[in-house]
């Protein structure tokens, strides 16, 4: 399911390889409604895909101001 630190399938970028030193693959473009079923690598989470998934999930739970902006910014940094 997860190869080379990139989640693929169901609206995700495709069978590419995420390489943070390569500008062509370093930024992952995801459709807002893409289903991301989770991911893990030996060195952490799969980066942009997980961030976008969590951000959109927080938007759904708590709305734009408290969820999306709150998660994507440092709005709640002191409370963490």
Foldseek 3Di string as FASTA:
>chain_A
DDDQLDDDDQQWPHPDHADCVDPVRNDTDGDLPGDDPADADPVGHSPPVVLSVQLSVQCVVPNCPCRNCVSVDCVCVVVD
